[in-house]
Amino acid sequence: MLSFALTLLRLFKAIWRSWQAPAFRATASLAVFILASGTIFYRSVEGWSWIDSFYFSVTTVSTVGNGYLAPQTDFGKLFTVVYIFVGVGVFVVLFTQFASALLRSEVVERDSTKKQKDSN
């Protein structure tokens, strides 16, 4: 349990450090915009519920996919093709920035631990 709590603490620190970078905030905002626009699109064009539309948007850009929902209209299918390329690209950049911040926080913690040991 302690290990999980420490890992969760490191995760929150990495999120906080990531959020301090303007590029990360911009990419995170773009990711939220992409999910919202996909949800609104599928709700209005395909007639799905808000939950189904959001679920499909998330599973599509995360490349998980599902077998339950699929666009039925030609416009919905064409939108989905573009949505996949744009959405996956943005989320790859977002997770790359987050992973970079997580690794930086690991290096900072390791260096501070090493300095403490060297000073003793």
C-alpha atoms as a PDB file:
ATOM      1  CA  MET A   1       0.000   0.000   0.000  1.00  0.00           C
ATOM      2  CA  LEU A   2       2.850   2.357   0.808  1.00  0.00           C
ATOM      3  CA  SER A   3       4.442   1.633  -2.559  1.00  0.00           C
ATOM      4  CA  PHE A   4       1.195   2.516  -4.312  1.00  0.00           C
ATOM      5  CA  ALA A   5       0.890   5.750  -2.339  1.00  0.00           C
ATOM      6  CA  LEU A   6       4.459   6.752  -3.206  1.00  0.00           C
ATOM      7  CA  THR A   7       3.886   5.979  -6.877  1.00  0.00           C
ATOM      8  CA  LEU A   8       0.693   8.013  -6.821  1.00  0.00           C
ATOM      9  CA  LEU A   9       2.553  10.895  -5.189  1.00  0.00           C
ATOM     10  CA  ARG A  10       5.214  10.759  -7.918  1.00  0.00           C
ATOM     11  CA  LEU A  11       2.456  10.765 -10.537  1.00  0.00           C
ATOM     12  CA  PHE A  12       0.858  13.893  -9.064  1.00  0.00           C
ATOM     13  CA  LYS A  13       4.239  15.608  -8.867  1.00  0.00           C
ATOM     14  CA  ALA A  14       4.842  14.826 -12.530  1.00  0.00           C
ATOM     15  CA  ILE A  15       1.415  16.168 -13.462  1.00  0.00           C
ATOM     16  CA  TRP A  16       2.140  19.335 -11.497  1.00  0.00           C
ATOM     17  CA  ARG A  17       5.549  19.769 -13.134  1.00  0.00           C
ATOM     18  CA  SER A  18       4.040  19.097 -16.547  1.00  0.00           C
ATOM     19  CA  TRP A  19       1.319  21.653 -15.957  1.00  0.00           C
ATOM     20  CA  GLN A  20       3.951  24.335 -15.289  1.00  0.00           C
ATOM     21  CA  ALA A  21       5.143  24.087 -18.915  1.00  0.00           C
ATOM     22  CA  PRO A  22       3.112  26.235 -21.338  1.00  0.00           C
ATOM     23  CA  ALA A  23       3.530  23.657 -24.122  1.00  0.00           C
ATOM     24  CA  PHE A  24       1.981  20.945 -21.942  1.00  0.00           C
ATOM     25  CA  ARG A  25      -0.957  23.190 -20.993  1.00  0.00           C
ATOM     26  CA  ALA A  26      -1.540  24.001 -24.667  1.00  0.00           C
ATOM     27  CA  THR A  27      -1.398  20.336 -25.675  1.00  0.00           C
ATOM     28  CA  ALA A  28      -3.667  19.287 -22.798  1.00  0.00           C
ATOM     29  CA  SER A  29      -6.166  21.985 -23.775  1.00  0.00           C
ATOM     30  CA  LEU A  30      -6.045  20.794 -27.379  1.00  0.00           C
ATOM     31  CA  ALA A  31      -6.629  17.201 -26.229  1.00  0.00           C
ATOM     32  CA  VAL A  32      -9.692  18.277 -24.216  1.00  0.00           C
ATOM     33  CA  PHE A  33     -10.936  20.249 -27.240  1.00  0.00           C
ATOM     34  CA  ILE A  34     -10.502  17.193 -29.483  1.00  0.00           C
ATOM     35  CA  LEU A  35     -12.441  14.957 -27.100  1.00  0.00           C
ATOM     36  CA  ALA A  36     -15.188  17.563 -26.700  1.00  0.00           C
ATOM     37  CA  SER A  37     -15.497  18.194 -30.434  1.00  0.00           C
ATOM     38  CA  GLY A  38     -15.633  14.468 -31.176  1.00  0.00           C
ATOM     39  CA  THR A  39     -18.273  13.972 -28.507  1.00  0.00           C
ATOM     40  CA  ILE A  40     -20.405  16.813 -29.875  1.00  0.00           C
ATOM     41  CA  PHE A  41     -19.948  15.605 -33.456  1.00  0.00           C
ATOM     42  CA  TYR A  42     -21.011  12.015 -32.746  1.00  0.00           C
ATOM     43  CA  ARG A  43     -23.898  13.216 -30.602  1.00  0.00           C
ATOM     44  CA  SER A  44     -25.252  15.473 -33.367  1.00  0.00           C
ATOM     45  CA  VAL A  45     -24.397  13.489 -36.516  1.00  0.00           C
ATOM     46  CA  GLU A  46     -24.739   9.891 -35.357  1.00  0.00           C
ATOM     47  CA  GLY A  47     -27.454  10.604 -32.778  1.00  0.00           C
ATOM     48  CA  TRP A  48     -25.685   8.733 -29.982  1.00  0.00           C
ATOM     49  CA  SER A  49     -26.094   9.553 -26.308  1.00  0.00           C
ATOM     50  CA  TRP A  50     -23.574  11.858 -24.664  1.00  0.00           C
ATOM     51  CA  ILE A  51     -21.969   8.937 -22.848  1.00  0.00           C
ATOM     52  CA  ASP A  52     -21.729   6.792 -25.993  1.00  0.00           C
ATOM     53  CA  SER A  53     -20.332   9.732 -27.964  1.00  0.00           C
ATOM     54  CA  PHE A  54     -17.692  10.472 -25.324  1.00  0.00           C
ATOM     55  CA  TYR A  55     -16.851   6.786 -24.948  1.00  0.00           C
ATOM     56  CA  PHE A  56     -16.389   6.389 -28.698  1.00  0.00           C
ATOM     57  CA  SER A  57     -14.240   9.525 -28.857  1.00  0.00           C
ATOM     58  CA  VAL A  58     -11.941   8.291 -26.088  1.00  0.00           C
ATOM     59  CA  THR A  59     -11.640   4.747 -27.412  1.00  0.00           C
ATOM     60  CA  THR A  60     -10.968   6.058 -30.915  1.00  0.00           C
ATOM     61  CA  VAL A  61      -8.143   8.471 -30.062  1.00  0.00           C
ATOM     62  CA  SER A  62      -6.632   6.006 -27.595  1.00  0.00           C
ATOM     63  CA  THR A  63      -6.595   3.391 -30.394  1.00  0.00           C
ATOM     64  CA  VAL A  64      -8.399   0.923 -28.144  1.00  0.00           C
ATOM     65  CA  GLY A  65     -11.491   0.806 -30.328  1.00  0.00           C
ATOM     66  CA  ASN A  66     -14.618  -1.198 -29.637  1.00  0.00           C
ATOM     67  CA  GLY A  67     -17.039  -3.387 -31.510  1.00  0.00           C
ATOM     68  CA  TYR A  68     -20.226  -1.887 -30.170  1.00  0.00           C
ATOM     69  CA  LEU A  69     -20.271   1.545 -31.774  1.00  0.00           C
ATOM     70  CA  ALA A  70     -19.396   2.498 -35.329  1.00  0.00           C
ATOM     71  CA  PRO A  71     -20.380   5.516 -37.395  1.00  0.00           C
ATOM     72  CA  GLN A  72     -23.253   4.727 -39.726  1.00  0.00           C
ATOM     73  CA  THR A  73     -23.248   7.858 -41.887  1.00  0.00           C
ATOM     74  CA  ASP A  74     -20.688   8.531 -44.612  1.00  0.00           C
ATOM     75  CA  PHE A  75     -19.942  11.905 -43.044  1.00  0.00           C
ATOM     76  CA  GLY A  76     -19.373  10.227 -39.682  1.00  0.00           C
ATOM     77  CA  LYS A  77     -16.999   7.702 -41.228  1.00  0.00           C
ATOM     78  CA  LEU A  78     -14.982  10.401 -43.025  1.00  0.00           C
ATOM     79  CA  PHE A  79     -14.834  12.509 -39.859  1.00  0.00           C
ATOM     80  CA  THR A  80     -13.617   9.482 -37.917  1.00  0.00           C
ATOM     81  CA  VAL A  81     -10.719   8.929 -40.328  1.00  0.00           C
ATOM     82  CA  VAL A  82      -9.502  12.508 -39.856  1.00  0.00           C
ATOM     83  CA  TYR A  83     -10.326  12.381 -36.135  1.00  0.00           C
ATOM     84  CA  ILE A  84      -8.111   9.323 -35.646  1.00  0.00           C
ATOM     85  CA  PHE A  85      -5.051  10.865 -37.310  1.00  0.00           C
ATOM     86  CA  VAL A  86      -5.377  14.199 -35.539  1.00  0.00           C
ATOM     87  CA  GLY A  87      -6.427  12.782 -32.168  1.00  0.00           C
ATOM     88  CA  VAL A  88      -3.777  10.082 -31.979  1.00  0.00           C
ATOM     89  CA  GLY A  89      -1.098  12.606 -32.939  1.00  0.00           C
ATOM     90  CA  VAL A  90      -2.127  15.071 -30.246  1.00  0.00           C
ATOM     91  CA  PHE A  91      -2.365  12.403 -27.562  1.00  0.00           C
ATOM     92  CA  VAL A  92       1.045  10.969 -28.482  1.00  0.00           C
ATOM     93  CA  VAL A  93       2.541  14.443 -28.042  1.00  0.00           C
ATOM     94  CA  LEU A  94       0.665  14.910 -24.742  1.00  0.00           C
ATOM     95  CA  PHE A  95       1.856  11.608 -23.287  1.00  0.00           C
ATOM     96  CA  THR A  96       5.392  12.225 -24.535  1.00  0.00           C
ATOM     97  CA  GLN A  97       5.460  15.561 -22.719  1.00  0.00           C
ATOM     98  CA  PHE A  98       4.055  13.932 -19.602  1.00  0.00           C
ATOM     99  CA  ALA A  99       6.574  11.072 -19.716  1.00  0.00           C
ATOM    100  CA  SER A 100       9.381  13.578 -20.127  1.00  0.00           C
ATOM    101  CA  ALA A 101       8.217  15.467 -17.029  1.00  0.00           C
ATOM    102  CA  LEU A 102       7.940  12.189 -15.114  1.00  0.00           C
ATOM    103  CA  LEU A 103      11.496  11.240 -16.054  1.00  0.00           C
ATOM    104  CA  ARG A 104      12.757  14.709 -15.127  1.00  0.00           C
ATOM    105  CA  SER A 105      11.114  14.385 -11.714  1.00  0.00           C
ATOM    106  CA  GLU A 106      12.795  10.988 -11.259  1.00  0.00           C
ATOM    107  CA  VAL A 107      16.188  12.530 -12.068  1.00  0.00           C
ATOM    108  CA  VAL A 108      15.579  15.445  -9.684  1.00  0.00           C
ATOM    109  CA  GLU A 109      14.587  13.090  -6.861  1.00  0.00           C
ATOM    110  CA  ARG A 110      17.556  10.797  -7.532  1.00  0.00           C
ATOM    111  CA  ASP A 111      19.994  13.726  -7.591  1.00  0.00           C
ATOM    112  CA  SER A 112      18.614  15.196  -4.374  1.00  0.00           C
ATOM    113  CA  THR A 113      18.855  11.794  -2.661  1.00  0.00           C
ATOM    114  CA  LYS A 114      22.411  11.414  -3.892  1.00  0.00           C
ATOM    115  CA  LYS A 115      23.362  14.888  -2.629  1.00  0.00           C
ATOM    116  CA  GLN A 116      21.879  14.084   0.787  1.00  0.00           C
ATOM    117  CA  LYS A 117      23.893  10.873   0.990  1.00  0.00           C
ATOM    118  CA  ASP A 118      27.075  12.629  -0.124  1.00  0.00           C
ATOM    119  CA  SER A 119      26.673  15.374   2.482  1.00  0.00           C
ATOM    120  CA  ASN A 120      26.328  12.828   5.298  1.00  0.00           C
END
